Protein backbone atom coordinates (compact mmCIF):
# COMPACT_ATOMS: atom_id res chain seq x y z
CA UNK A 1 127.48 105.05 99.43
CA UNK A 2 131.25 104.57 100.65
CA UNK A 3 130.40 101.94 103.28
CA UNK A 4 129.03 99.49 100.96
CA UNK A 5 131.09 96.69 99.75
CA UNK A 6 132.06 95.92 96.13
CA UNK A 7 129.64 92.82 95.53
CA UNK A 8 126.84 95.83 97.30
CA UNK A 9 127.53 98.44 94.65
CA UNK A 10 127.68 95.83 92.02
CA UNK A 11 124.06 94.73 93.35
CA UNK A 12 122.87 98.33 93.24
CA UNK A 13 124.63 99.57 89.97
CA UNK A 14 122.99 96.22 88.16
CA UNK A 15 119.39 96.87 89.40
CA UNK A 16 119.82 101.01 88.63
CA UNK A 17 120.98 100.29 84.94
CA UNK A 18 117.71 97.88 84.35
CA UNK A 19 115.48 100.12 85.95
CA UNK A 20 117.14 103.12 83.68
CA UNK A 21 116.85 101.28 80.86
CA UNK A 22 112.87 100.70 81.65
CA UNK A 23 112.49 104.46 81.93
CA UNK A 24 114.77 105.03 79.04
CA UNK A 25 112.42 103.44 76.71
CA UNK A 26 108.92 104.61 78.04
CA UNK A 27 110.07 108.00 77.88
CA UNK A 28 111.08 107.59 74.46
CA UNK A 29 107.92 106.11 73.48
CA UNK A 30 106.06 109.41 75.23
CA UNK A 31 108.39 111.90 73.80
CA UNK A 32 107.47 110.04 69.84
CA UNK A 33 103.84 109.91 70.73
CA UNK A 34 102.63 113.37 68.98
CA UNK A 35 105.23 112.97 66.24
CA UNK A 36 104.53 109.19 65.09
CA UNK A 37 100.55 108.89 66.09
CA UNK A 38 99.90 109.07 62.21
CA UNK A 39 102.40 106.68 61.46
CA UNK A 40 100.73 103.71 63.02
CA UNK A 41 97.57 105.03 63.89
CA UNK A 42 96.56 107.36 60.48
CA UNK A 43 93.11 109.64 61.23
CA UNK A 44 91.93 112.93 60.60
CA UNK A 45 91.22 113.26 64.24
CA UNK A 46 94.21 114.21 65.96
CA UNK A 47 92.42 113.55 69.57
CA UNK A 48 91.63 109.96 67.97
CA UNK A 49 95.44 109.45 66.88
CA UNK A 50 96.82 110.36 70.18
CA UNK A 51 94.49 108.35 72.43
CA UNK A 52 95.02 104.90 70.27
CA UNK A 53 98.90 105.56 70.43
CA UNK A 54 98.44 106.40 74.32
CA UNK A 55 96.62 102.89 74.54
CA UNK A 56 99.40 101.24 72.62
CA UNK A 57 101.52 102.76 75.35
CA UNK A 58 99.20 101.45 78.09
CA UNK A 59 99.02 98.24 77.24
CA UNK A 60 102.79 98.45 77.97
CA UNK A 61 102.15 99.46 81.55
CA UNK A 62 98.96 96.86 81.75
CA UNK A 63 101.08 93.95 81.65
CA UNK A 64 103.54 94.62 83.91
CA UNK A 65 101.40 92.50 86.76
CA UNK A 66 101.72 90.08 84.41
CA UNK A 67 104.85 90.07 84.29
CA UNK A 68 105.71 91.03 87.80
CA UNK A 69 103.90 88.06 89.16
CA UNK A 70 105.62 85.50 86.00
CA UNK A 71 108.78 86.49 86.75
CA UNK A 72 108.77 87.43 90.45
CA UNK A 73 107.21 83.87 91.12
CA UNK A 74 110.61 82.58 89.66
CA UNK A 75 112.78 85.09 91.25
CA UNK A 76 111.69 83.95 94.71
CA UNK A 77 112.25 80.06 93.59
CA UNK A 78 115.29 80.26 91.50
CA UNK A 79 117.31 83.37 92.50
CA UNK A 80 117.01 87.18 91.76
CA UNK A 81 120.27 87.62 89.59
CA UNK A 82 119.41 84.59 86.90
CA UNK A 83 116.02 86.45 86.52
CA UNK A 84 117.41 89.76 86.23
CA UNK A 85 119.41 88.61 83.15
CA UNK A 86 116.34 87.00 81.53
CA UNK A 87 114.43 90.60 82.03
CA UNK A 88 117.28 93.02 80.75
CA UNK A 89 117.50 90.86 77.53
CA UNK A 90 114.15 91.03 76.97
CA UNK A 91 113.49 94.10 77.11
CA UNK A 92 116.22 95.30 75.67
CA UNK A 93 115.76 93.12 72.33
CA UNK A 94 111.98 94.69 72.30
CA UNK A 95 112.99 98.35 72.67
CA UNK A 96 115.38 97.67 69.83
CA UNK A 97 113.04 95.84 67.89
CA UNK A 98 110.37 99.17 68.03
CA UNK A 99 112.95 100.95 65.81
CA UNK A 100 112.23 98.15 63.25
CA UNK A 101 108.60 98.38 63.23
CA UNK A 102 106.99 98.92 59.58
CA UNK A 103 104.21 101.81 59.59
CA UNK A 104 100.66 102.04 58.01
CA UNK A 105 102.00 103.13 54.86
CA UNK A 106 104.06 100.12 54.42
CA UNK A 107 101.74 97.33 55.83
CA UNK A 108 98.53 98.54 56.75
CA UNK A 109 96.42 97.32 59.55
CA UNK A 110 99.49 94.90 60.56
CA UNK A 111 101.44 98.16 61.77
CA UNK A 112 99.51 98.90 64.83
CA UNK A 113 98.99 95.19 65.32
CA UNK A 114 102.77 94.85 65.83
CA UNK A 115 103.32 98.09 67.51
CA UNK A 116 100.73 96.67 70.38
CA UNK A 117 101.94 93.19 70.28
CA UNK A 118 106.06 94.45 70.73
CA UNK A 119 104.46 96.75 73.60
CA UNK A 120 102.80 93.91 74.92
CA UNK A 121 106.17 91.86 74.78
CA UNK A 122 108.00 95.16 76.69
CA UNK A 123 105.81 95.41 79.18
CA UNK A 124 105.84 91.64 80.09
CA UNK A 125 109.65 91.50 80.62
CA UNK A 126 109.74 95.01 82.21
CA UNK A 127 107.18 93.94 84.81
CA UNK A 128 109.83 91.42 86.22
CA UNK A 129 112.53 93.76 86.05
CA UNK A 130 111.59 96.35 88.75
CA UNK A 131 110.46 93.18 91.76
CA UNK A 132 114.05 91.47 91.23
CA UNK A 133 116.30 94.49 90.97
CA UNK A 134 114.36 96.37 93.79
CA UNK A 135 114.55 93.12 96.06
CA UNK A 136 118.18 92.13 95.82
CA UNK A 137 119.34 95.75 96.44
CA UNK A 138 117.27 96.14 99.53
CA UNK A 139 118.40 92.71 100.46
CA UNK A 140 121.61 93.24 100.72
CA UNK A 141 121.16 96.95 102.34
CA UNK A 142 121.50 97.69 105.70
CA UNK A 143 118.58 98.78 107.72
CA UNK A 144 120.13 102.28 108.39
CA UNK A 145 121.06 102.82 104.84
CA UNK A 146 117.80 101.31 103.14
CA UNK A 147 115.46 104.29 102.57
CA UNK A 148 118.90 106.52 100.80
CA UNK A 149 119.51 103.38 98.62
CA UNK A 150 115.73 102.76 97.93
CA UNK A 151 115.62 106.27 96.75
CA UNK A 152 118.65 105.91 94.74
CA UNK A 153 117.53 102.74 93.14
CA UNK A 154 113.96 104.05 92.43
CA UNK A 155 115.65 107.56 90.82
CA UNK A 156 117.40 105.39 88.04
CA UNK A 157 113.98 105.20 86.64
CA UNK A 158 114.26 108.84 85.99
CA UNK A 159 117.81 108.51 85.27
CA UNK A 160 116.93 106.67 82.06
CA UNK A 161 113.99 109.95 81.53
CA UNK A 162 117.39 111.99 81.61
CA UNK A 163 119.31 110.19 78.95
CA UNK A 164 116.03 109.69 76.87
CA UNK A 165 115.36 113.57 77.24
CA UNK A 166 118.99 114.21 75.74
CA UNK A 167 118.98 111.66 73.06
CA UNK A 168 115.59 113.06 72.02
CA UNK A 169 117.23 116.78 71.87
CA UNK A 170 120.12 115.79 70.12
CA UNK A 171 118.46 113.78 67.34
CA UNK A 172 115.49 116.66 67.26
CA UNK A 173 118.11 119.12 66.52
CA UNK A 174 120.13 116.52 64.00
CA UNK A 175 116.85 116.27 61.73
CA UNK A 176 114.33 118.07 60.48
CA UNK A 177 110.88 117.15 61.62
CA UNK A 178 110.15 115.07 58.14
CA UNK A 179 113.64 113.11 58.39
CA UNK A 180 112.28 112.41 62.28
CA UNK A 181 109.42 111.15 61.29
CA UNK A 182 111.02 108.65 58.58
CA UNK A 183 114.46 107.56 60.61
CA UNK A 184 115.18 109.95 63.87
CA UNK A 185 112.32 108.15 65.82
CA UNK A 186 113.85 104.84 64.90
CA UNK A 187 117.50 105.97 65.68
CA UNK A 188 116.12 106.63 69.41
CA UNK A 189 114.80 103.04 69.96
CA UNK A 190 118.17 101.56 68.54
CA UNK A 191 120.00 103.60 71.35
CA UNK A 192 118.10 101.78 73.83
CA UNK A 193 120.37 98.73 73.44
CA UNK A 194 123.64 100.89 74.94
CA UNK A 195 122.39 100.95 78.09
CA UNK A 196 120.82 97.43 78.24
CA UNK A 197 124.08 95.34 77.19
CA UNK A 198 126.20 97.50 80.27
CA UNK A 199 123.31 96.57 82.38
CA UNK A 200 123.88 92.96 81.19
CA UNK A 201 127.57 93.04 81.89
CA UNK A 202 127.21 94.21 85.41
CA UNK A 203 124.58 91.72 86.18
CA UNK A 204 126.94 88.74 84.98
CA UNK A 205 129.36 89.77 87.55
CA UNK A 206 127.01 90.71 90.58
CA UNK A 207 126.33 88.44 92.80
CA UNK A 208 122.85 86.57 93.89
CA UNK A 209 121.24 87.68 97.26
CA UNK A 210 122.82 86.37 100.39
CA UNK A 211 119.15 86.84 102.00
CA UNK A 212 117.66 84.48 99.55
CA UNK A 213 120.62 82.21 99.45
CA UNK A 214 120.28 81.65 103.06
CA UNK A 215 116.84 80.44 102.79
CA UNK A 216 117.70 78.55 99.84
CA UNK A 217 120.22 76.59 101.62
CA UNK A 218 117.95 75.89 104.74
CA UNK A 219 115.21 74.50 102.30
CA UNK A 220 113.01 77.31 102.91
CA UNK A 221 111.98 78.54 99.35
CA UNK A 222 108.44 78.47 98.50
CA UNK A 223 106.92 76.16 95.45
CA UNK A 224 104.00 78.34 94.68
CA UNK A 225 104.71 82.11 96.00
CA UNK A 226 102.05 83.83 94.15
CA UNK A 227 99.77 81.48 95.55
CA UNK A 228 101.01 82.09 99.13
CA UNK A 229 100.37 85.81 98.82
CA UNK A 230 97.14 85.24 98.85
CA UNK A 231 96.37 82.07 100.65
CA UNK A 232 96.62 83.77 104.06
CA UNK A 233 94.14 86.94 105.30
CA UNK A 234 97.40 88.46 106.36
CA UNK A 235 98.94 88.01 103.00
CA UNK A 236 95.75 89.62 101.01
CA UNK A 237 95.71 92.29 103.60
CA UNK A 238 99.44 93.23 103.19
CA UNK A 239 98.86 92.72 99.44
CA UNK A 240 95.87 95.11 99.10
CA UNK A 241 96.92 98.12 101.32
CA UNK A 242 100.36 98.36 99.46
CA UNK A 243 98.64 98.40 96.19
CA UNK A 244 96.33 101.43 97.23
CA UNK A 245 99.79 103.30 97.58
CA UNK A 246 101.49 101.84 94.39
CA UNK A 247 97.79 102.88 92.39
CA UNK A 248 98.10 106.26 93.36
CA UNK A 249 101.40 107.07 92.99
CA UNK A 250 101.03 105.77 89.69
CA UNK A 251 98.30 107.91 88.72
CA UNK A 252 99.82 110.97 89.74
CA UNK A 253 103.13 109.81 88.06
CA UNK A 254 101.44 109.09 84.70
CA UNK A 255 99.24 112.12 85.05
CA UNK A 256 102.16 114.47 85.23
CA UNK A 257 105.52 112.92 84.22
CA UNK A 258 104.15 110.41 81.55
CA UNK A 259 101.94 113.02 80.01
CA UNK A 260 104.00 115.77 80.27
CA UNK A 261 105.62 115.43 76.73
CA UNK A 262 101.91 115.57 75.06
CA UNK A 263 100.55 118.49 77.18
CA UNK A 264 103.62 120.39 76.68
CA UNK A 265 103.37 119.87 72.67
CA UNK A 266 99.63 120.01 72.42
CA UNK A 267 97.93 121.83 75.21
CA UNK A 268 100.74 124.54 76.20
CA UNK A 269 102.07 127.55 73.87
CA UNK A 270 105.81 126.37 73.42
CA UNK A 271 107.77 125.45 70.64
CA UNK A 272 109.06 121.58 70.07
CA UNK A 273 112.87 122.47 70.95
CA UNK A 274 111.85 123.61 74.30
CA UNK A 275 109.69 120.08 75.03
CA UNK A 276 113.11 118.34 75.76
CA UNK A 277 114.47 121.08 77.67
CA UNK A 278 111.38 121.38 80.34
CA UNK A 279 111.59 117.17 80.07
CA UNK A 280 114.93 117.62 81.58
CA UNK A 281 114.04 119.79 84.09
CA UNK A 282 111.09 117.44 85.00
CA UNK A 283 113.21 114.42 84.88
CA UNK A 284 115.97 115.90 87.26
CA UNK A 285 113.50 117.26 89.56
CA UNK A 286 112.20 113.58 90.20
CA UNK A 287 115.63 112.31 90.18
CA UNK A 288 117.12 114.27 92.65
CA UNK A 289 113.23 114.20 94.84
CA UNK A 290 113.43 110.56 95.22
CA UNK A 291 116.70 110.44 96.31
CA UNK A 292 115.88 113.13 99.06
CA UNK A 293 112.30 111.43 99.69
CA UNK A 294 114.05 107.90 100.28
CA UNK A 295 116.53 109.89 102.50
CA UNK A 296 114.08 111.48 104.74
CA UNK A 297 112.23 108.28 105.10
CA UNK A 298 115.06 106.85 106.78
CA UNK A 299 114.64 109.79 109.24
CA UNK A 300 110.94 110.32 109.74
CA UNK A 301 109.66 107.29 108.06
CA UNK A 302 108.22 105.67 105.14
CA UNK A 303 104.23 106.73 105.84
CA UNK A 304 105.45 110.27 106.63
CA UNK A 305 107.07 111.01 103.78
CA UNK A 306 104.45 109.61 101.50
CA UNK A 307 101.72 111.55 103.44
CA UNK A 308 103.70 115.03 103.46
CA UNK A 309 104.06 114.64 99.54
CA UNK A 310 100.54 113.76 98.85
CA UNK A 311 99.14 116.63 100.69
CA UNK A 312 101.44 118.80 99.29
CA UNK A 313 100.47 117.78 95.74
CA UNK A 314 96.90 117.72 96.16
CA UNK A 315 97.12 121.67 97.55
CA UNK A 316 99.42 122.28 94.87
CA UNK A 317 98.49 120.49 91.68
CA UNK A 318 95.85 122.99 90.17
CA UNK A 319 97.89 126.60 90.66
CA UNK A 320 100.91 125.03 89.54
CA UNK A 321 99.48 123.35 86.31
CA UNK A 322 97.34 126.74 85.81
CA UNK A 323 100.68 128.53 86.67
CA UNK A 324 102.64 126.15 83.62
CA UNK A 325 99.58 126.48 81.20
CA UNK A 326 99.86 130.19 81.47
CA UNK A 327 103.65 131.17 81.94
CA UNK A 328 104.77 133.16 79.12
CA UNK A 329 108.56 132.39 79.46
CA UNK A 330 110.81 129.15 79.72
CA UNK A 331 112.52 130.38 83.32
CA UNK A 332 108.60 130.31 84.66
CA UNK A 333 107.67 127.03 82.93
CA UNK A 334 110.53 125.69 84.16
CA UNK A 335 109.97 126.63 87.80
CA UNK A 336 106.28 125.73 87.72
CA UNK A 337 107.54 122.25 86.38
CA UNK A 338 109.81 121.92 88.94
CA UNK A 339 107.32 122.55 91.94
CA UNK A 340 104.84 119.98 90.24
CA UNK A 341 107.10 117.46 89.28
CA UNK A 342 109.01 117.21 92.95
CA UNK A 343 105.62 117.43 94.96
CA UNK A 344 104.08 114.68 92.63
CA UNK A 345 106.56 112.28 91.80
CA UNK A 346 109.06 112.26 94.72
CA UNK A 347 106.78 109.99 96.80
CA UNK A 348 108.17 106.61 94.92
CA UNK A 349 111.18 107.16 96.68
CA UNK A 350 110.76 105.03 99.56
CA UNK A 351 108.74 102.39 97.57
CA UNK A 352 111.56 99.66 96.91
CA UNK A 353 112.16 99.66 100.69
CA UNK A 354 108.73 99.59 101.77
CA UNK A 355 107.81 97.20 99.64
CA UNK A 356 110.60 94.69 100.53
CA UNK A 357 110.26 95.46 104.07
CA UNK A 358 106.59 94.68 103.71
CA UNK A 359 106.78 91.02 102.75
CA UNK A 360 109.07 87.95 103.89
CA UNK A 361 111.83 86.16 101.49
CA UNK A 362 109.76 83.24 100.59
CA UNK A 363 107.65 85.71 98.77
CA UNK A 364 109.26 89.45 98.37
CA UNK A 365 109.93 89.31 94.70
CA UNK A 366 106.61 87.98 93.74
CA UNK A 367 104.37 90.31 96.39
CA UNK A 368 106.83 93.43 95.55
CA UNK A 369 106.99 92.80 91.69
CA UNK A 370 103.25 92.24 91.81
CA UNK A 371 102.03 95.10 94.04
CA UNK A 372 104.26 97.63 92.20
CA UNK A 373 103.09 97.10 88.86
CA UNK A 374 99.56 96.39 90.13
CA UNK A 375 99.36 100.04 90.80
CA UNK A 376 99.50 100.43 87.02
CA UNK A 377 95.99 98.73 86.71
CA UNK A 378 95.06 101.98 87.92
CA UNK A 379 97.87 104.63 87.05
CA UNK A 380 98.12 103.45 83.54
CA UNK A 381 94.69 105.21 82.25
CA UNK A 382 95.81 108.64 83.74
CA UNK A 383 97.17 109.78 80.15
CA UNK A 384 93.90 108.46 78.53
CA UNK A 385 91.70 109.83 80.90
CA UNK A 386 94.00 113.24 80.62
CA UNK A 387 93.69 113.40 77.09
CA UNK A 388 89.92 112.99 77.31
CA UNK A 389 89.34 115.84 80.32
CA UNK A 390 91.35 118.17 78.31
CA UNK A 391 88.89 118.14 75.33
CA UNK A 392 87.89 120.72 77.55
CA UNK A 393 88.84 123.69 76.26
CA UNK A 394 89.59 127.15 77.59
CA UNK A 395 90.40 127.90 81.05
CA UNK A 396 89.14 124.24 82.40
CA UNK A 397 92.37 122.77 80.58
CA UNK A 398 94.67 122.89 83.43
CA UNK A 399 92.04 122.57 86.23
CA UNK A 400 91.11 119.47 84.84
CA UNK A 401 94.88 118.22 84.69
CA UNK A 402 95.46 119.40 87.91
CA UNK A 403 92.23 117.59 89.14
CA UNK A 404 93.63 114.37 87.94
CA UNK A 405 97.01 114.84 89.79
CA UNK A 406 94.78 115.27 92.97
CA UNK A 407 92.82 112.11 92.26
CA UNK A 408 96.32 110.26 92.68
CA UNK A 409 97.11 112.31 95.65
CA UNK A 410 94.26 111.59 97.51
CA UNK A 411 94.53 108.13 97.09
CA UNK A 412 98.28 108.07 98.22
CA UNK A 413 96.97 109.79 101.44
CA UNK A 414 94.50 107.15 102.27
CA UNK A 415 97.11 104.19 101.60
CA UNK A 416 99.67 106.02 103.62
CA UNK A 417 97.10 106.10 106.58
CA UNK A 418 96.06 103.01 106.55
CA UNK A 419 100.05 100.94 106.13
CA UNK A 420 101.81 100.63 108.73
CA UNK A 421 105.30 101.93 109.21
CA UNK A 422 108.36 99.53 108.21
CA UNK A 423 111.39 101.78 108.31
CA UNK A 424 112.66 99.66 111.36
CA UNK A 425 111.60 96.37 110.24
CA UNK A 426 114.56 93.41 109.81
CA UNK A 427 114.45 91.79 106.17
CA UNK A 428 114.62 88.26 106.69
């Protein structure tokens, strides 16, 4: 980090903060789902209310590929920085507006309609955020530092999780449950404007990607980047092979981190006050795990790191989830949480570098954003599938969730074996 110039640090910070806000918003939704599901989807059936609220959450994730393609297309044509300013404004406003939503008792059926519409908008802007932020950070990095910076950038998502877990812990401690369901959850979403405004300030001051500017001055900008990706056999091959990796990673991530608050509150015998503490353990583990994985990928290769983490997750998923389910103390649950999250989510560390190395500058923003967010078309369903599988009570509960992690891990193993190594590729 010390060898980065001031402008490079500004780009990295601007990208990191935007990705942090994305994680902040999503984990706020995950944390409050068990408590507010009946506010928008009232039902005598708790499982139905959870499924309906998670479906609204999944809308956010499914819209991301659309946003990734739309904003990535303009990021390749008019520059990464301009699009990053638009996306941070868009999804900061959507996060804040979530706290203003009326509930079912106020407006009836309009409440879930507005919730879904707002999550739809959130996902659209968030989809464009990752692609622009990831590629501008990787384009300004040297080949030797790209792996580490990739891990740092990707860990920003978990930094947002950590902030959200801390805010959740503070607000849960400050409001009794009756007041939390009335006003506390709204304050959590209002607080999302703070990191958004900081990120916006940094982005106004940061410079455009010199790699992109060089292509722009050479008049080598692609007019239809998304079409270019799919117009050749090689472009389609690169996209679909990389998509296998992101799909598997997303499925494992949302089975564990994405479903973790609901699993703890609905299926594991823990107090509500213990949930944010375990979430902090989980998010901190994923934060450092992704930095470690990014660094390791610079030493031994992106694909080897992905393979090692995926194999570890496939072997350990069921034993670790079972251990967490049957643990009798916070200390035991913390250890199982640490091990499970480390093997299941750290593999994301090299992904910004890998995708930036896999596609050329003319289409890099579009291709990276579409490939990364496209993985959510598979991975976003993990929480819904988990809820359905966990309707099996008794000893099958932890096994069912472990099998869900195993599915994602096997997909990653397949993807890491059929994609080429990229750590020595020059970004041009």
